[in-house]
N, C-alpha and C. Protein backbone atom coordinates (compact mmCIF):
# COMPACT_ATOMS: atom_id res chain seq x y z
N UNK A 1 0.81 -1.06 0.19
CA UNK A 1 -0.03 -0.14 0.18
C UNK A 1 0.82 1.15 0.51
N UNK A 2 0.78 2.46 -0.38
CA UNK A 2 0.84 3.22 -0.42
C UNK A 2 0.77 4.52 0.79
N UNK A 3 1.38 5.60 1.32
CA UNK A 3 0.74 6.53 2.33
C UNK A 3 -0.61 6.62 2.48
N UNK A 4 -1.41 6.74 1.30
CA UNK A 4 -2.08 7.38 0.80
C UNK A 4 -3.38 6.15 1.23
N UNK A 5 -3.34 4.89 0.82
CA UNK A 5 -3.51 4.04 1.02
C UNK A 5 -3.88 3.51 2.59
N UNK A 6 -2.75 3.85 3.26
CA UNK A 6 -2.40 3.55 4.62
C UNK A 6 -3.33 4.70 5.52
N UNK A 7 -3.00 5.72 5.09
CA UNK A 7 -4.12 6.51 5.50
C UNK A 7 -5.80 6.11 5.59
N UNK A 8 -6.37 6.17 4.15
CA UNK A 8 -7.76 6.01 4.52
C UNK A 8 -7.73 4.44 4.83
N UNK A 9 -7.02 3.49 5.02
CA UNK A 9 -7.07 2.15 5.02
C UNK A 9 -7.48 2.57 6.78
N UNK A 10 -6.30 3.33 7.27
CA UNK A 10 -6.94 4.00 9.24
C UNK A 10 -7.82 4.63 9.78
N UNK A 11 -8.57 5.46 8.61
CA UNK A 11 -9.74 6.14 8.78
C UNK A 11 -10.56 5.23 9.08
N UNK A 12 -10.75 4.48 7.83
CA UNK A 12 -11.89 3.25 7.95
C UNK A 12 -13.25 3.80 7.67
N UNK A 13 -14.42 3.03 8.47
CA UNK A 13 -15.12 3.42 7.98
C UNK A 13 -15.63 5.37 8.93
N UNK A 14 -14.58 5.23 9.91
CA UNK A 14 -14.81 6.58 10.85
C UNK A 14 -14.79 8.12 10.02
N UNK A 15 -15.72 9.15 10.40
CA UNK A 15 -15.83 10.33 9.13
C UNK A 15 -14.64 11.29 9.57
N UNK A 16 -13.33 10.65 10.83
CA UNK A 16 -12.25 12.27 10.89
C UNK A 16 -11.19 11.15 10.54
N UNK A 17 -10.22 11.24 10.38
CA UNK A 17 -8.32 10.63 10.31
C UNK A 17 -7.98 11.46 10.87
N UNK A 18 -7.96 10.16 11.97
CA UNK A 18 -7.49 10.77 13.43
C UNK A 18 -5.70 10.55 13.85
N UNK A 19 -5.10 12.15 13.60
CA UNK A 19 -3.38 11.65 13.67
C UNK A 19 -2.92 10.84 14.44
N UNK A 20 -3.51 11.18 15.53
CA UNK A 20 -3.16 10.19 16.58
C UNK A 20 -3.14 8.60 16.18
N UNK A 21 -4.20 8.17 16.08
CA UNK A 21 -4.26 6.89 15.48
C UNK A 21 -3.51 6.55 13.86
N UNK A 22 -3.20 6.94 13.19
CA UNK A 22 -2.43 7.03 12.26
C UNK A 22 -0.83 6.59 12.44
N UNK A 23 -0.19 8.06 13.73
CA UNK A 23 0.43 6.91 14.58
C UNK A 23 0.62 6.16 15.32
N UNK A 24 -0.25 6.28 15.63
CA UNK A 24 -0.33 4.65 16.36
C UNK A 24 -0.49 3.97 15.76
N UNK A 25 -1.08 3.35 14.45
CA UNK A 25 -0.84 2.16 13.63
C UNK A 25 0.79 2.21 13.04
N UNK A 26 1.42 3.59 12.47
CA UNK A 26 2.48 3.38 12.00
C UNK A 26 3.09 2.57 12.98
N UNK A 27 3.15 3.18 14.35
CA UNK A 27 4.55 2.20 15.63
C UNK A 27 3.90 1.15 15.14
N UNK A 28 2.88 0.31 15.42
CA UNK A 28 2.48 -1.20 15.02
C UNK A 28 2.56 -1.88 13.96
N UNK A 29 2.96 -1.11 12.74
CA UNK A 29 3.43 -1.61 11.83
C UNK A 29 4.95 -0.90 11.10
N UNK A 30 6.27 -1.39 11.03
CA UNK A 30 7.44 -0.71 11.29
C UNK A 30 7.73 -1.29 9.40
N UNK A 31 6.82 -2.10 9.00
CA UNK A 31 6.98 -2.21 7.25
C UNK A 31 6.40 -1.13 6.69
N UNK A 32 5.61 -0.39 7.32
CA UNK A 32 4.70 0.56 6.63
C UNK A 32 5.49 1.33 5.99
N UNK A 33 4.89 2.40 5.06
CA UNK A 33 5.63 3.19 4.25
C UNK A 33 5.64 4.74 5.18
N UNK A 34 3.81 4.60 5.81
CA UNK A 34 3.75 5.27 7.00
C UNK A 34 4.60 5.86 7.70
N UNK A 35 4.89 4.49 8.45
CA UNK A 35 5.93 3.96 9.39
C UNK A 35 7.37 4.39 9.08
N UNK A 36 7.74 4.66 7.80
CA UNK A 36 9.64 4.94 7.15
C UNK A 36 9.44 6.48 7.06
N UNK A 37 7.81 7.29 6.87
CA UNK A 37 7.70 8.36 6.64
C UNK A 37 7.94 9.29 7.60
N UNK A 38 7.96 8.57 8.99
CA UNK A 38 7.68 9.28 10.41
C UNK A 38 9.44 9.02 11.24
N UNK A 39 9.48 10.05 11.78
CA UNK A 39 10.81 9.87 12.31
C UNK A 39 10.43 9.68 14.19
N UNK A 40 11.08 8.79 14.16
CA UNK A 40 11.00 7.81 15.36
C UNK A 40 12.11 7.98 16.33
N UNK A 41 13.27 8.47 16.54
CA UNK A 41 14.05 8.80 16.96
C UNK A 41 13.90 9.77 17.95
N UNK A 42 13.38 9.85 19.13
CA UNK A 42 12.36 10.55 19.64
C UNK A 42 13.50 12.11 19.96
N UNK A 43 15.15 12.01 20.46
CA UNK A 43 15.77 13.46 20.53
C UNK A 43 15.46 14.37 19.01
N UNK A 44 15.67 13.32 17.89
CA UNK A 44 15.25 13.79 16.81
C UNK A 44 13.83 15.05 16.46
N UNK A 45 13.21 13.72 16.74
CA UNK A 45 11.79 14.34 16.64
C UNK A 45 11.09 15.42 17.82
N UNK A 46 12.28 15.27 18.76
CA UNK A 46 11.71 16.04 19.64
C UNK A 46 12.33 17.73 19.35
N UNK A 47 13.38 17.80 18.86
CA UNK A 47 14.07 19.18 17.67
C UNK A 47 13.31 19.60 17.44
N UNK A 48 12.87 18.62 16.59
CA UNK A 48 12.07 19.07 15.02
C UNK A 48 11.08 19.80 15.62
N UNK A 49 9.86 19.22 16.87
CA UNK A 49 9.24 19.84 17.42
C UNK A 49 9.37 21.16 17.87
N UNK A 50 10.58 21.38 18.74
CA UNK A 50 10.86 22.10 19.38
C UNK A 50 10.96 23.50 18.30
N UNK A 51 12.02 22.98 17.09
CA UNK A 51 11.95 23.97 16.08
C UNK A 51 10.00 24.52 15.66
N UNK A 52 9.21 23.72 15.32
CA UNK A 52 7.90 24.09 14.71
C UNK A 52 7.42 25.06 15.73
N UNK A 53 8.11 24.79 17.15
CA UNK A 53 6.62 25.58 18.09
C UNK A 53 7.22 27.17 18.15
N UNK A 54 8.81 27.01 17.52
CA UNK A 54 9.50 28.45 17.74
C UNK A 54 9.15 29.05 16.47
N UNK A 55 9.24 28.77 15.41
CA UNK A 55 8.39 29.08 14.57
C UNK A 55 7.19 29.42 13.97
N UNK A 56 5.95 28.86 15.09
CA UNK A 56 4.80 29.46 15.41
C UNK A 56 4.93 31.01 16.23
N UNK A 57 5.50 30.08 17.31
CA UNK A 57 5.99 31.78 18.25
C UNK A 57 6.29 33.26 17.87
N UNK A 58 7.15 33.37 17.00
CA UNK A 58 7.61 33.65 15.61
C UNK A 58 6.30 34.74 15.16
N UNK A 59 5.72 33.61 14.39
CA UNK A 59 4.65 34.45 13.65
C UNK A 59 3.36 34.93 13.97
N UNK A 60 3.14 34.04 15.31
CA UNK A 60 2.08 34.89 16.32
C UNK A 60 2.50 35.97 16.37
N UNK A 61 3.89 36.22 17.69
CA UNK A 61 4.21 37.23 18.49
C UNK A 61 5.05 38.36 18.15
N UNK A 62 4.97 37.96 16.54
CA UNK A 62 6.52 39.29 16.43
C UNK A 62 5.33 39.95 14.69
N UNK A 63 4.53 40.03 15.58
CA UNK A 63 3.52 40.61 14.50
C UNK A 63 3.39 42.31 14.78
N UNK A 64 3.20 43.16 13.53
CA UNK A 64 3.18 45.41 13.53
C UNK A 64 2.24 45.19 14.53
N UNK A 65 1.58 45.50 15.68
CA UNK A 65 0.54 46.11 16.56
C UNK A 65 -0.42 46.70 16.10
N UNK A 66 0.41 47.99 14.59
CA UNK A 66 -0.42 48.49 13.96
C UNK A 66 -1.95 47.90 13.22
N UNK A 67 -1.23 47.03 12.70
CA UNK A 67 -1.61 46.11 11.30
C UNK A 67 -1.77 44.65 11.26
N UNK A 68 -2.42 43.98 11.13
CA UNK A 68 -2.32 42.38 11.58
C UNK A 68 -1.25 41.95 10.50
N UNK A 69 -0.04 42.33 10.57
CA UNK A 69 1.06 42.17 9.22
C UNK A 69 2.28 41.55 10.51
N UNK A 70 2.66 40.54 9.56
CA UNK A 70 4.22 39.62 10.44
C UNK A 70 5.53 40.85 10.43
N UNK A 71 6.20 41.10 11.54
CA UNK A 71 7.84 41.64 11.15
C UNK A 71 7.93 41.27 10.58
N UNK A 72 8.41 39.79 10.48
CA UNK A 72 9.46 38.85 10.29
C UNK A 72 9.32 38.02 9.43
N UNK A 73 9.41 37.67 8.04
CA UNK A 73 9.26 36.36 7.40
C UNK A 73 10.51 35.46 7.30
N UNK A 74 10.25 34.13 7.04
CA UNK A 74 11.11 33.37 5.96
C UNK A 74 11.08 33.19 4.82
N UNK A 75 12.30 33.67 4.25
CA UNK A 75 12.26 33.74 2.67
C UNK A 75 12.45 32.15 2.61
N UNK A 76 12.04 32.18 1.04
CA UNK A 76 12.39 30.28 0.57
C UNK A 76 13.99 30.32 0.35
N UNK A 77 14.62 31.36 -0.29
CA UNK A 77 15.75 31.20 -0.74
C UNK A 77 17.11 31.26 0.53
N UNK A 78 16.26 31.90 2.10
CA UNK A 78 16.85 31.38 3.16
C UNK A 78 17.22 30.12 3.95
N UNK A 79 16.09 29.21 4.06
CA UNK A 79 15.76 27.86 3.77
C UNK A 79 16.88 27.02 2.94
N UNK A 80 17.54 27.32 1.91
CA UNK A 80 18.57 25.97 1.66
C UNK A 80 19.36 25.61 3.04
N UNK A 81 20.11 26.93 3.14
CA UNK A 81 21.38 26.43 4.26
C UNK A 81 20.71 26.75 6.17
N UNK A 82 19.45 25.87 6.34
CA UNK A 82 19.67 26.25 7.53
C UNK A 82 18.50 27.18 8.28
N UNK A 83 17.87 28.50 7.46
CA UNK A 83 17.10 29.11 7.24
C UNK A 83 16.84 30.21 8.45
N UNK A 84 16.32 31.50 8.43
CA UNK A 84 16.09 32.00 9.41
C UNK A 84 14.76 33.09 9.06
N UNK A 85 14.74 34.11 9.66
CA UNK A 85 13.61 35.30 9.56
C UNK A 85 14.56 36.72 9.16
N UNK A 86 14.00 37.02 8.37
CA UNK A 86 14.08 38.23 7.51
C UNK A 86 13.31 39.44 8.45
N UNK A 87 13.22 40.93 8.51
CA UNK A 87 12.77 42.15 8.80
C UNK A 87 11.98 42.20 7.42
N UNK A 88 10.65 41.90 7.78
CA UNK A 88 9.78 42.27 6.83
C UNK A 88 10.12 43.56 5.68
N UNK A 89 10.26 45.00 6.78
CA UNK A 89 10.47 46.37 5.90
C UNK A 89 11.93 46.53 6.06
N UNK A 90 13.10 45.38 5.86
CA UNK A 90 14.13 45.35 5.21
C UNK A 90 13.89 44.46 3.91
N UNK A 91 12.79 43.70 3.95
CA UNK A 91 13.14 42.76 2.64
C UNK A 91 11.99 43.83 1.06
N UNK A 92 10.76 44.41 1.49
CA UNK A 92 10.21 44.81 0.96
C UNK A 92 11.21 46.18 -0.07
N UNK A 93 11.89 46.81 0.53
CA UNK A 93 12.47 47.79 -0.80
C UNK A 93 13.76 47.68 -1.54
N UNK A 94 13.88 46.11 -1.01
CA UNK A 94 14.93 45.73 -2.08
C UNK A 94 13.85 44.95 -2.92
N UNK A 95 13.62 45.21 -4.36
CA UNK A 95 13.21 44.34 -5.40
C UNK A 95 13.63 42.74 -5.97
N UNK A 96 15.13 42.43 -5.59
CA UNK A 96 14.76 40.88 -5.82
C UNK A 96 14.27 40.67 -5.00
N UNK A 97 14.84 41.07 -3.12
CA UNK A 97 14.01 40.48 -2.15
C UNK A 97 12.58 40.28 -1.88
N UNK A 98 11.95 41.51 -2.46
CA UNK A 98 10.29 41.64 -2.48
C UNK A 98 9.23 40.65 -3.12
N UNK A 99 10.54 40.93 -4.74
CA UNK A 99 9.75 39.38 -5.33
C UNK A 99 9.82 37.68 -5.33
N UNK A 100 11.28 37.26 -4.37
CA UNK A 100 10.99 36.66 -3.75
C UNK A 100 10.06 36.37 -2.77
N UNK A 101 9.77 37.37 -2.33
CA UNK A 101 8.68 37.40 -0.77
C UNK A 101 7.57 37.44 -1.32
N UNK A 102 6.87 37.66 -2.73
CA UNK A 102 5.55 37.42 -3.36
C UNK A 102 5.82 35.95 -3.97
N UNK A 103 7.03 35.20 -4.68
CA UNK A 103 6.83 34.23 -5.45
C UNK A 103 6.80 33.26 -4.10
N UNK A 104 6.90 33.33 -2.89
CA UNK A 104 6.78 32.76 -1.69
C UNK A 104 4.83 33.12 -1.00
N UNK A 105 5.03 33.51 -1.95
CA UNK A 105 3.02 34.10 -1.08
C UNK A 105 2.32 33.34 -2.55
N UNK A 106 2.73 33.76 -3.15
CA UNK A 106 1.41 32.46 -4.39
C UNK A 106 2.07 31.28 -4.56
N UNK A 107 3.38 31.25 -3.62
CA UNK A 107 2.80 29.11 -3.50
C UNK A 107 2.07 29.19 -2.43
N UNK A 108 2.49 29.57 -1.52
CA UNK A 108 0.87 29.74 -0.42
C UNK A 108 -0.16 29.64 -0.72
N UNK A 109 -0.32 30.49 -1.43
CA UNK A 109 -1.81 31.10 -2.22
C UNK A 109 -2.12 29.46 -3.07
N UNK A 110 -0.95 28.91 -3.99
CA UNK A 110 -1.60 28.11 -4.06
C UNK A 110 -2.32 26.68 -3.37
N UNK A 111 -1.29 26.74 -2.41
CA UNK A 111 -1.22 25.62 -0.81
C UNK A 111 -2.62 25.82 -1.19
N UNK A 112 -3.47 26.89 -0.46
CA UNK A 112 -4.59 27.03 0.40
C UNK A 112 -5.56 27.10 -0.52
N UNK A 113 -5.32 27.01 -2.06
CA UNK A 113 -6.35 27.17 -3.03
C UNK A 113 -6.73 25.26 -3.29
N UNK A 114 -5.70 24.99 -3.19
CA UNK A 114 -5.36 23.47 -3.23
C UNK A 114 -6.43 22.57 -2.13
N UNK A 115 -6.42 23.57 -1.00
CA UNK A 115 -6.75 23.16 0.22
C UNK A 115 -8.54 23.21 -0.10
N UNK A 116 -8.74 24.58 -0.27
CA UNK A 116 -10.38 25.41 -0.19
C UNK A 116 -10.82 25.83 -1.49
N UNK A 117 -9.72 25.41 -3.27
CA UNK A 117 -10.53 25.70 -4.21
C UNK A 117 -12.04 25.30 -4.57
N UNK A 118 -12.57 24.20 -3.62
CA UNK A 118 -13.96 24.16 -3.85
C UNK A 118 -15.39 24.94 -3.64
N UNK A 119 -14.31 25.50 -2.97
CA UNK A 119 -15.99 27.20 -1.99
C UNK A 119 -16.02 27.62 -3.45
N UNK A 120 -17.07 28.35 -3.67
CA UNK A 120 -17.25 28.80 -4.79
C UNK A 120 -17.08 30.33 -4.42
N UNK A 121 -17.28 30.42 -3.11
CA UNK A 121 -17.24 31.55 -2.42
C UNK A 121 -15.80 32.80 -2.59
N UNK A 122 -14.54 31.79 -2.85
CA UNK A 122 -13.35 32.27 -3.03
C UNK A 122 -13.00 32.87 -4.63
N UNK A 123 -13.96 32.44 -5.38
CA UNK A 123 -13.42 32.22 -7.03
C UNK A 123 -12.44 33.62 -6.99
N UNK A 124 -13.07 34.53 -6.35
CA UNK A 124 -12.60 35.90 -7.18
C UNK A 124 -10.91 36.16 -6.08
N UNK A 125 -11.42 35.56 -5.10
CA UNK A 125 -9.43 35.46 -4.31
C UNK A 125 -8.73 34.50 -5.54
N UNK A 126 -9.47 33.45 -5.77
CA UNK A 126 -8.12 32.84 -6.81
C UNK A 126 -8.10 33.54 -7.96
N UNK A 127 -9.00 34.29 -8.68
CA UNK A 127 -9.26 35.17 -10.13
C UNK A 127 -7.88 36.14 -9.67
N UNK A 128 -8.02 36.33 -8.45
CA UNK A 128 -6.92 37.87 -8.27
C UNK A 128 -5.61 37.04 -8.19
N UNK A 129 -5.09 36.02 -7.98
CA UNK A 129 -3.93 35.08 -7.54
C UNK A 129 -3.69 34.56 -8.84
N UNK A 130 -4.46 34.27 -9.63
CA UNK A 130 -4.64 34.20 -11.66
C UNK A 130 -3.55 35.44 -11.73
N UNK A 131 -4.01 36.51 -11.76
CA UNK A 131 -4.06 37.73 -12.53
C UNK A 131 -2.66 37.95 -11.89
N UNK A 132 -2.21 38.14 -10.73
CA UNK A 132 -1.04 38.01 -10.32
C UNK A 132 0.48 37.61 -10.50
N UNK A 133 -0.26 36.46 -11.12
CA UNK A 133 1.08 35.61 -11.07
C UNK A 133 1.09 35.76 -12.97
N UNK A 134 -0.27 36.08 -13.46
CA UNK A 134 0.26 36.06 -15.06
C UNK A 134 1.24 37.34 -15.18
N UNK A 135 0.90 38.53 -14.21
CA UNK A 135 1.70 39.65 -14.40
C UNK A 135 3.56 39.16 -13.86
N UNK A 136 3.42 38.41 -13.13
CA UNK A 136 4.98 38.10 -12.87
C UNK A 136 5.58 37.35 -13.76
N UNK A 137 4.92 36.68 -14.17
CA UNK A 137 5.28 35.94 -15.61
C UNK A 137 5.97 37.13 -16.69
N UNK A 138 4.93 38.08 -16.52
CA UNK A 138 6.07 38.86 -17.64
C UNK A 138 7.05 39.43 -17.05
N UNK A 139 7.80 40.04 -15.21
CA UNK A 139 8.83 40.29 -15.28
C UNK A 139 9.16 39.62 -14.11
N UNK A 140 10.01 38.48 -14.81
CA UNK A 140 11.18 37.64 -14.19
C UNK A 140 12.01 38.31 -12.92
N UNK A 141 12.45 37.51 -11.86
CA UNK A 141 13.33 37.57 -11.60
C UNK A 141 14.59 37.83 -12.04
N UNK A 142 16.10 38.52 -11.82
CA UNK A 142 16.93 37.79 -12.49
C UNK A 142 17.81 37.17 -11.68
N UNK A 143 18.49 36.18 -11.90
CA UNK A 143 18.71 35.45 -11.51
C UNK A 143 20.05 35.97 -10.37
N UNK A 144 20.99 36.73 -10.93
CA UNK A 144 22.05 36.90 -10.23
C UNK A 144 21.62 38.05 -9.37
N UNK A 145 20.39 39.34 -9.46
CA UNK A 145 19.84 39.48 -8.10
C UNK A 145 19.38 39.05 -6.89
N UNK A 146 19.01 37.63 -7.83
CA UNK A 146 17.88 36.79 -6.08
C UNK A 146 19.93 36.51 -5.68
N UNK A 147 20.67 35.52 -6.27
CA UNK A 147 21.96 34.98 -5.54
C UNK A 147 22.63 35.71 -4.66
N UNK A 148 22.95 37.61 -5.03
CA UNK A 148 23.81 38.21 -4.00
C UNK A 148 22.99 38.33 -3.25
N UNK A 149 21.22 38.29 -2.77
CA UNK A 149 20.70 38.45 -1.16
C UNK A 149 21.25 37.04 -0.69
N UNK A 150 21.22 36.39 -0.73
CA UNK A 150 21.04 34.61 -0.30
C UNK A 150 22.09 34.54 0.44
N UNK A 151 22.32 33.65 1.51
CA UNK A 151 22.83 34.10 2.60
C UNK A 151 23.84 32.82 2.57
């Protein structure tokens, strides 16, 4: 079975697929694809979870008090070697970094559309995303400009 098939099997007749049930099933099925996709070394898993917690704390607590905007963001170009966060105010004036931030936002919107694309109420949002995407194809970021800002 594939991971998809294993997850569907775990859900069974239930209305919900519960992640705890999936972990328990994977623990009891060490030859499964799901088991192989999970981190079982508790030290590594604990460190990974703490990183996730800190990322969430940065997203929640480092925001502009006057507007609901994050003050620091993680750009995809910075995640290549360890990652980190940049101040949004320092990204926006630098064309190449701003375009990286926009490309990252577009990928995030694509992910959101994959999740919520069946909601007709959001069709105007998807249309606006597509307009921005088409406009961006006409003005691609120059490779050299991006690389000079990479860590």
